[in-house]
Every structure is written in structure tokens, then in C-alpha cells.
PDB file of all heavy atoms in Angstrom:
ATOM      1  N   GLN A   1      18.801   2.162  -5.584  1.00  0.00           N
ATOM      2  CA  GLN A   1      18.211   1.725  -4.321  1.00  0.00           C
ATOM      3  C   GLN A   1      17.862   2.878  -3.382  1.00  0.00           C
ATOM      4  O   GLN A   1      16.734   2.936  -2.878  1.00  0.00           O
ATOM      5  CB  GLN A   1      19.137   0.722  -3.620  1.00  0.00           C
ATOM      6  CG  GLN A   1      18.544   0.128  -2.359  1.00  0.00           C
ATOM      7  CD  GLN A   1      17.290  -0.679  -2.628  1.00  0.00           C
ATOM      8  OE1 GLN A   1      17.229  -1.455  -3.578  1.00  0.00           O
ATOM      9  NE2 GLN A   1      16.280  -0.501  -1.807  1.00  0.00           N
ATOM     10  N   PRO A   2      18.762   3.841  -3.141  1.00  0.00           N
ATOM     11  CA  PRO A   2      18.385   4.944  -2.241  1.00  0.00           C
ATOM     12  C   PRO A   2      17.223   5.783  -2.776  1.00  0.00           C
ATOM     13  O   PRO A   2      16.388   6.261  -2.002  1.00  0.00           O
ATOM     14  CB  PRO A   2      19.649   5.789  -2.138  1.00  0.00           C
ATOM     15  CG  PRO A   2      20.759   4.953  -2.658  1.00  0.00           C
ATOM     16  CD  PRO A   2      20.148   3.922  -3.552  1.00  0.00           C
ATOM     17  N   LEU A   3      17.154   5.944  -4.085  1.00  0.00           N
ATOM     18  CA  LEU A   3      16.052   6.703  -4.680  1.00  0.00           C
ATOM     19  C   LEU A   3      14.734   5.944  -4.543  1.00  0.00           C
ATOM     20  O   LEU A   3      13.704   6.532  -4.242  1.00  0.00           O
ATOM     21  CB  LEU A   3      16.341   7.005  -6.145  1.00  0.00           C
ATOM     22  CG  LEU A   3      17.530   7.923  -6.422  1.00  0.00           C
ATOM     23  CD1 LEU A   3      17.833   7.979  -7.910  1.00  0.00           C
ATOM     24  CD2 LEU A   3      17.281   9.306  -5.860  1.00  0.00           C
ATOM     25  N   ALA A   4      14.778   4.633  -4.764  1.00  0.00           N
ATOM     26  CA  ALA A   4      13.570   3.823  -4.628  1.00  0.00           C
ATOM     27  C   ALA A   4      13.051   3.885  -3.195  1.00  0.00           C
ATOM     28  O   ALA A   4      11.840   4.004  -2.967  1.00  0.00           O
ATOM     29  CB  ALA A   4      13.854   2.375  -5.033  1.00  0.00           C
ATOM     30  N   GLN A   5      13.961   3.848  -2.232  1.00  0.00           N
ATOM     31  CA  GLN A   5      13.552   3.939  -0.827  1.00  0.00           C
ATOM     32  C   GLN A   5      13.008   5.328  -0.503  1.00  0.00           C
ATOM     33  O   GLN A   5      11.985   5.460   0.162  1.00  0.00           O
ATOM     34  CB  GLN A   5      14.721   3.600   0.084  1.00  0.00           C
ATOM     35  CG  GLN A   5      15.072   2.134   0.065  1.00  0.00           C
ATOM     36  CD  GLN A   5      16.302   1.814   0.896  1.00  0.00           C
ATOM     37  OE1 GLN A   5      17.137   2.658   1.178  1.00  0.00           O
ATOM     38  NE2 GLN A   5      16.414   0.547   1.277  1.00  0.00           N
ATOM     39  N   ARG A   6      13.694   6.356  -0.965  1.00  0.00           N
ATOM     40  CA  ARG A   6      13.263   7.724  -0.665  1.00  0.00           C
ATOM     41  C   ARG A   6      11.861   8.013  -1.185  1.00  0.00           C
ATOM     42  O   ARG A   6      11.034   8.624  -0.521  1.00  0.00           O
ATOM     43  CB  ARG A   6      14.238   8.733  -1.251  1.00  0.00           C
ATOM     44  CG  ARG A   6      13.780  10.161  -1.039  1.00  0.00           C
ATOM     45  CD  ARG A   6      14.734  11.161  -1.594  1.00  0.00           C
ATOM     46  NE  ARG A   6      14.181  12.496  -1.387  1.00  0.00           N
ATOM     47  CZ  ARG A   6      14.653  13.573  -1.920  1.00  0.00           C
ATOM     48  NH1 ARG A   6      15.725  13.520  -2.671  1.00  0.00           N
ATOM     49  NH2 ARG A   6      14.087  14.732  -1.704  1.00  0.00           N
ATOM     50  N   TYR A   7      11.592   7.575  -2.424  1.00  0.00           N
ATOM     51  CA  TYR A   7      10.316   7.885  -3.056  1.00  0.00           C
ATOM     52  C   TYR A   7       9.278   6.779  -2.898  1.00  0.00           C
ATOM     53  O   TYR A   7       8.134   6.938  -3.326  1.00  0.00           O
ATOM     54  CB  TYR A   7      10.528   8.221  -4.531  1.00  0.00           C
ATOM     55  CG  TYR A   7      11.301   9.503  -4.710  1.00  0.00           C
ATOM     56  CD1 TYR A   7      12.655   9.494  -5.022  1.00  0.00           C
ATOM     57  CD2 TYR A   7      10.678  10.738  -4.538  1.00  0.00           C
ATOM     58  CE1 TYR A   7      13.367  10.675  -5.168  1.00  0.00           C
ATOM     59  CE2 TYR A   7      11.389  11.919  -4.677  1.00  0.00           C
ATOM     60  CZ  TYR A   7      12.728  11.877  -4.986  1.00  0.00           C
ATOM     61  OH  TYR A   7      13.427  13.049  -5.128  1.00  0.00           O
ATOM     62  N   GLY A   8       9.674   5.661  -2.307  1.00  0.00           N
ATOM     63  CA  GLY A   8       8.731   4.568  -2.077  1.00  0.00           C
ATOM     64  C   GLY A   8       8.200   3.945  -3.353  1.00  0.00           C
ATOM     65  O   GLY A   8       7.010   3.661  -3.452  1.00  0.00           O
ATOM     66  N   VAL A   9       9.099   3.751  -4.322  1.00  0.00           N
ATOM     67  CA  VAL A   9       8.684   3.198  -5.613  1.00  0.00           C
ATOM     68  C   VAL A   9       9.492   1.951  -5.938  1.00  0.00           C
ATOM     69  O   VAL A   9      10.536   1.683  -5.359  1.00  0.00           O
ATOM     70  CB  VAL A   9       8.849   4.235  -6.751  1.00  0.00           C
ATOM     71  CG1 VAL A   9       7.928   5.425  -6.546  1.00  0.00           C
ATOM     72  CG2 VAL A   9      10.292   4.682  -6.903  1.00  0.00           C
ATOM     73  N   GLU A  10       8.978   1.204  -6.904  1.00  0.00           N
ATOM     74  CA  GLU A  10       9.662   0.017  -7.393  1.00  0.00           C
ATOM     75  C   GLU A  10      10.896   0.431  -8.185  1.00  0.00           C
ATOM     76  O   GLU A  10      10.935   1.499  -8.802  1.00  0.00           O
ATOM     77  CB  GLU A  10       8.714  -0.785  -8.286  1.00  0.00           C
ATOM     78  CG  GLU A  10       9.290  -2.074  -8.790  1.00  0.00           C
ATOM     79  CD  GLU A  10       8.321  -2.848  -9.672  1.00  0.00           C
ATOM     80  OE1 GLU A  10       7.141  -2.468  -9.757  1.00  0.00           O
ATOM     81  OE2 GLU A  10       8.769  -3.823 -10.287  1.00  0.00           O
ATOM     82  N   MET A  11      11.887  -0.437  -8.184  1.00  0.00           N
ATOM     83  CA  MET A  11      13.143  -0.196  -8.890  1.00  0.00           C
ATOM     84  C   MET A  11      13.355  -1.328  -9.893  1.00  0.00           C
ATOM     85  O   MET A  11      13.206  -2.500  -9.555  1.00  0.00           O
ATOM     86  CB  MET A  11      14.259  -0.176  -7.850  1.00  0.00           C
ATOM     87  CG  MET A  11      15.637  -0.162  -8.392  1.00  0.00           C
ATOM     88  SD  MET A  11      16.841  -0.257  -7.027  1.00  0.00           S
ATOM     89  CE  MET A  11      17.216  -1.996  -7.058  1.00  0.00           C
ATOM     90  N   LEU A  12      13.670  -0.975 -11.130  1.00  0.00           N
ATOM     91  CA  LEU A  12      13.982  -1.945 -12.175  1.00  0.00           C
ATOM     92  C   LEU A  12      15.385  -1.657 -12.687  1.00  0.00           C
ATOM     93  O   LEU A  12      15.734  -0.491 -12.924  1.00  0.00           O
ATOM     94  CB  LEU A  12      12.974  -1.848 -13.315  1.00  0.00           C
ATOM     95  CG  LEU A  12      11.513  -2.058 -12.908  1.00  0.00           C
ATOM     96  CD1 LEU A  12      10.585  -1.524 -13.978  1.00  0.00           C
ATOM     97  CD2 LEU A  12      11.262  -3.521 -12.649  1.00  0.00           C
ATOM     98  N   VAL A  13      16.173  -2.699 -12.862  1.00  0.00           N
ATOM     99  CA  VAL A  13      17.559  -2.533 -13.287  1.00  0.00           C
ATOM    100  C   VAL A  13      17.747  -3.181 -14.650  1.00  0.00           C
ATOM    101  O   VAL A  13      17.333  -4.321 -14.862  1.00  0.00           O
ATOM    102  CB  VAL A  13      18.537  -3.163 -12.272  1.00  0.00           C
ATOM    103  CG1 VAL A  13      19.980  -3.008 -12.735  1.00  0.00           C
ATOM    104  CG2 VAL A  13      18.346  -2.542 -10.892  1.00  0.00           C
ATOM    105  N   ALA A  14      18.352  -2.431 -15.559  1.00  0.00           N
ATOM    106  CA  ALA A  14      18.653  -2.974 -16.880  1.00  0.00           C
ATOM    107  C   ALA A  14      19.872  -2.265 -17.442  1.00  0.00           C
ATOM    108  O   ALA A  14      19.906  -1.034 -17.517  1.00  0.00           O
ATOM    109  CB  ALA A  14      17.466  -2.807 -17.824  1.00  0.00           C
ATOM    110  N   ASP A  15      20.847  -3.040 -17.812  1.00  0.00           N
ATOM    111  CA  ASP A  15      22.058  -2.524 -18.450  1.00  0.00           C
ATOM    112  C   ASP A  15      22.221  -3.281 -19.766  1.00  0.00           C
ATOM    113  O   ASP A  15      21.671  -4.384 -19.932  1.00  0.00           O
ATOM    114  CB  ASP A  15      23.270  -2.742 -17.537  1.00  0.00           C
ATOM    115  CG  ASP A  15      24.517  -2.052 -18.041  1.00  0.00           C
ATOM    116  OD1 ASP A  15      24.401  -1.091 -18.835  1.00  0.00           O
ATOM    117  OD2 ASP A  15      25.624  -2.463 -17.654  1.00  0.00           O
ATOM    118  N   ALA A  16      22.965  -2.717 -20.678  1.00  0.00           N
ATOM    119  CA  ALA A  16      23.148  -3.351 -21.982  1.00  0.00           C
ATOM    120  C   ALA A  16      23.701  -4.767 -21.835  1.00  0.00           C
ATOM    121  O   ALA A  16      23.330  -5.659 -22.606  1.00  0.00           O
ATOM    122  CB  ALA A  16      24.058  -2.505 -22.855  1.00  0.00           C
ATOM    123  N   SER A  17      24.533  -4.988 -20.825  1.00  0.00           N
ATOM    124  CA  SER A  17      25.104  -6.322 -20.623  1.00  0.00           C
ATOM    125  C   SER A  17      24.055  -7.346 -20.189  1.00  0.00           C
ATOM    126  O   SER A  17      24.281  -8.546 -20.273  1.00  0.00           O
ATOM    127  CB  SER A  17      26.237  -6.267 -19.596  1.00  0.00           C
ATOM    128  OG  SER A  17      25.738  -5.840 -18.345  1.00  0.00           O
ATOM    129  N   ASP A  18      22.888  -6.867 -19.740  1.00  0.00           N
ATOM    130  CA  ASP A  18      21.798  -7.761 -19.333  1.00  0.00           C
ATOM    131  C   ASP A  18      21.017  -8.309 -20.516  1.00  0.00           C
ATOM    132  O   ASP A  18      20.246  -9.256 -20.365  1.00  0.00           O
ATOM    133  CB  ASP A  18      20.826  -7.025 -18.401  1.00  0.00           C
ATOM    134  CG  ASP A  18      21.486  -6.539 -17.138  1.00  0.00           C
ATOM    135  OD1 ASP A  18      22.427  -7.196 -16.654  1.00  0.00           O
ATOM    136  OD2 ASP A  18      21.057  -5.483 -16.628  1.00  0.00           O
ATOM    137  N   GLY A  19      21.159  -7.683 -21.672  1.00  0.00           N
ATOM    138  CA  GLY A  19      20.473  -8.148 -22.870  1.00  0.00           C
ATOM    139  C   GLY A  19      19.018  -7.732 -22.929  1.00  0.00           C
ATOM    140  O   GLY A  19      18.523  -6.956 -22.110  1.00  0.00           O
ATOM    141  N   ASP A  20      18.311  -8.280 -23.905  1.00  0.00           N
ATOM    142  CA  ASP A  20      16.930  -7.912 -24.183  1.00  0.00           C
ATOM    143  C   ASP A  20      15.970  -8.153 -23.022  1.00  0.00           C
ATOM    144  O   ASP A  20      15.045  -7.372 -22.796  1.00  0.00           O
ATOM    145  CB  ASP A  20      16.401  -8.686 -25.394  1.00  0.00           C
ATOM    146  CG  ASP A  20      17.007  -8.229 -26.701  1.00  0.00           C
ATOM    147  OD1 ASP A  20      17.579  -7.116 -26.745  1.00  0.00           O
ATOM    148  OD2 ASP A  20      16.906  -8.989 -27.687  1.00  0.00           O
ATOM    149  N   ALA A  21      16.152  -9.231 -22.287  1.00  0.00           N
ATOM    150  CA  ALA A  21      15.181  -9.629 -21.260  1.00  0.00           C
ATOM    151  C   ALA A  21      14.972  -8.554 -20.206  1.00  0.00           C
ATOM    152  O   ALA A  21      13.838  -8.302 -19.783  1.00  0.00           O
ATOM    153  CB  ALA A  21      15.613 -10.937 -20.606  1.00  0.00           C
ATOM    154  N   ALA A  22      16.031  -7.897 -19.775  1.00  0.00           N
ATOM    155  CA  ALA A  22      15.912  -6.854 -18.743  1.00  0.00           C
ATOM    156  C   ALA A  22      15.116  -5.661 -19.264  1.00  0.00           C
ATOM    157  O   ALA A  22      14.306  -5.076 -18.537  1.00  0.00           O
ATOM    158  CB  ALA A  22      17.288  -6.411 -18.272  1.00  0.00           C
ATOM    159  N   PHE A  23      15.320  -5.302 -20.513  1.00  0.00           N
ATOM    160  CA  PHE A  23      14.586  -4.172 -21.098  1.00  0.00           C
ATOM    161  C   PHE A  23      13.152  -4.564 -21.429  1.00  0.00           C
ATOM    162  O   PHE A  23      12.234  -3.749 -21.297  1.00  0.00           O
ATOM    163  CB  PHE A  23      15.341  -3.636 -22.314  1.00  0.00           C
ATOM    164  CG  PHE A  23      16.637  -2.996 -21.922  1.00  0.00           C
ATOM    165  CD1 PHE A  23      17.817  -3.717 -21.941  1.00  0.00           C
ATOM    166  CD2 PHE A  23      16.675  -1.687 -21.493  1.00  0.00           C
ATOM    167  CE1 PHE A  23      19.008  -3.142 -21.546  1.00  0.00           C
ATOM    168  CE2 PHE A  23      17.856  -1.093 -21.086  1.00  0.00           C
ATOM    169  CZ  PHE A  23      19.032  -1.824 -21.116  1.00  0.00           C
ATOM    170  N   ASP A  24      12.957  -5.821 -21.821  1.00  0.00           N
ATOM    171  CA  ASP A  24      11.598  -6.315 -22.025  1.00  0.00           C
ATOM    172  C   ASP A  24      10.801  -6.258 -20.725  1.00  0.00           C
ATOM    173  O   ASP A  24       9.603  -5.943 -20.734  1.00  0.00           O
ATOM    174  CB  ASP A  24      11.611  -7.745 -22.561  1.00  0.00           C
ATOM    175  CG  ASP A  24      12.041  -7.829 -24.019  1.00  0.00           C
ATOM    176  OD1 ASP A  24      11.961  -6.808 -24.737  1.00  0.00           O
ATOM    177  OD2 ASP A  24      12.455  -8.926 -24.450  1.00  0.00           O
ATOM    178  N   ALA A  25      11.450  -6.530 -19.598  1.00  0.00           N
ATOM    179  CA  ALA A  25      10.776  -6.480 -18.295  1.00  0.00           C
ATOM    180  C   ALA A  25      10.329  -5.063 -17.957  1.00  0.00           C
ATOM    181  O   ALA A  25       9.241  -4.856 -17.416  1.00  0.00           O
ATOM    182  CB  ALA A  25      11.686  -7.030 -17.203  1.00  0.00           C
ATOM    183  N   ILE A  26      11.157  -4.085 -18.288  1.00  0.00           N
ATOM    184  CA  ILE A  26      10.778  -2.685 -18.050  1.00  0.00           C
ATOM    185  C   ILE A  26       9.568  -2.327 -18.903  1.00  0.00           C
ATOM    186  O   ILE A  26       8.587  -1.775 -18.412  1.00  0.00           O
ATOM    187  CB  ILE A  26      11.956  -1.727 -18.345  1.00  0.00           C
ATOM    188  CG1 ILE A  26      13.041  -1.892 -17.286  1.00  0.00           C
ATOM    189  CG2 ILE A  26      11.471  -0.277 -18.408  1.00  0.00           C
ATOM    190  CD1 ILE A  26      14.312  -1.115 -17.570  1.00  0.00           C
ATOM    191  N   ALA A  27       9.622  -2.644 -20.177  1.00  0.00           N
ATOM    192  CA  ALA A  27       8.512  -2.312 -21.078  1.00  0.00           C
ATOM    193  C   ALA A  27       7.230  -3.034 -20.666  1.00  0.00           C
ATOM    194  O   ALA A  27       6.144  -2.448 -20.693  1.00  0.00           O
ATOM    195  CB  ALA A  27       8.888  -2.655 -22.517  1.00  0.00           C
ATOM    196  N   ALA A  28       7.342  -4.290 -20.252  1.00  0.00           N
ATOM    197  CA  ALA A  28       6.167  -5.060 -19.867  1.00  0.00           C
ATOM    198  C   ALA A  28       5.530  -4.540 -18.583  1.00  0.00           C
ATOM    199  O   ALA A  28       4.325  -4.690 -18.383  1.00  0.00           O
ATOM    200  CB  ALA A  28       6.542  -6.532 -19.696  1.00  0.00           C
ATOM    201  N   ALA A  29       6.322  -3.898 -17.727  1.00  0.00           N
ATOM    202  CA  ALA A  29       5.810  -3.400 -16.447  1.00  0.00           C
ATOM    203  C   ALA A  29       5.164  -2.029 -16.569  1.00  0.00           C
ATOM    204  O   ALA A  29       4.607  -1.526 -15.598  1.00  0.00           O
ATOM    205  CB  ALA A  29       6.952  -3.335 -15.434  1.00  0.00           C
ATOM    206  N   ALA A  30       5.227  -1.421 -17.742  1.00  0.00           N
ATOM    207  CA  ALA A  30       4.828  -0.024 -17.877  1.00  0.00           C
ATOM    208  C   ALA A  30       3.713   0.178 -18.888  1.00  0.00           C
ATOM    209  O   ALA A  30       3.527  -0.605 -19.807  1.00  0.00           O
ATOM    210  CB  ALA A  30       6.044   0.809 -18.301  1.00  0.00           C
ATOM    211  N   THR A  31       3.020   1.284 -18.696  1.00  0.00           N
ATOM    212  CA  THR A  31       2.121   1.804 -19.717  1.00  0.00           C
ATOM    213  C   THR A  31       2.860   2.860 -20.515  1.00  0.00           C
ATOM    214  O   THR A  31       2.725   2.953 -21.727  1.00  0.00           O
ATOM    215  CB  THR A  31       0.874   2.435 -19.068  1.00  0.00           C
ATOM    216  OG1 THR A  31       0.244   1.439 -18.270  1.00  0.00           O
ATOM    217  CG2 THR A  31      -0.089   2.946 -20.106  1.00  0.00           C
ATOM    218  N   VAL A  32       3.663   3.651 -19.795  1.00  0.00           N
ATOM    219  CA  VAL A  32       4.480   4.697 -20.410  1.00  0.00           C
ATOM    220  C   VAL A  32       5.912   4.534 -19.905  1.00  0.00           C
ATOM    221  O   VAL A  32       6.137   4.412 -18.698  1.00  0.00           O
ATOM    222  CB  VAL A  32       3.975   6.109 -20.034  1.00  0.00           C
ATOM    223  CG1 VAL A  32       4.881   7.192 -20.617  1.00  0.00           C
ATOM    224  CG2 VAL A  32       2.540   6.305 -20.494  1.00  0.00           C
ATOM    225  N   VAL A  33       6.865   4.541 -20.820  1.00  0.00           N
ATOM    226  CA  VAL A  33       8.288   4.518 -20.472  1.00  0.00           C
ATOM    227  C   VAL A  33       8.856   5.863 -20.883  1.00  0.00           C
ATOM    228  O   VAL A  33       8.752   6.265 -22.041  1.00  0.00           O
ATOM    229  CB  VAL A  33       9.038   3.384 -21.208  1.00  0.00           C
ATOM    230  CG1 VAL A  33      10.538   3.481 -20.964  1.00  0.00           C
ATOM    231  CG2 VAL A  33       8.503   2.026 -20.773  1.00  0.00           C
ATOM    232  N   VAL A  34       9.442   6.549 -19.912  1.00  0.00           N
ATOM    233  CA  VAL A  34      10.096   7.829 -20.183  1.00  0.00           C
ATOM    234  C   VAL A  34      11.594   7.606 -20.032  1.00  0.00           C
ATOM    235  O   VAL A  34      12.068   7.225 -18.963  1.00  0.00           O
ATOM    236  CB  VAL A  34       9.611   8.922 -19.204  1.00  0.00           C
ATOM    237  CG1 VAL A  34      10.329  10.230 -19.479  1.00  0.00           C
ATOM    238  CG2 VAL A  34       8.102   9.100 -19.306  1.00  0.00           C
TER     239      VAL A  34
END
């Protein structure tokens, strides 16, 4: 959250306990994932 505010960017949260859906959301929102 503090980094997203500092840089004025969107923040996406995904942990292994969140399962596939959280990581699918990251991939779907991106052209490039680093």
C-alpha cells in the first residue's frame, strides 16, 4: 500500500494461500509480468 501510494500505481495482491484466481488476475491485468 505505501509503495502504491508513493508511485501512484495500482496494487495487486496474491499469495499462495489465495490460490490460482489471485495469480490469474495478475496475469490477466498485464502484458508483461516481471
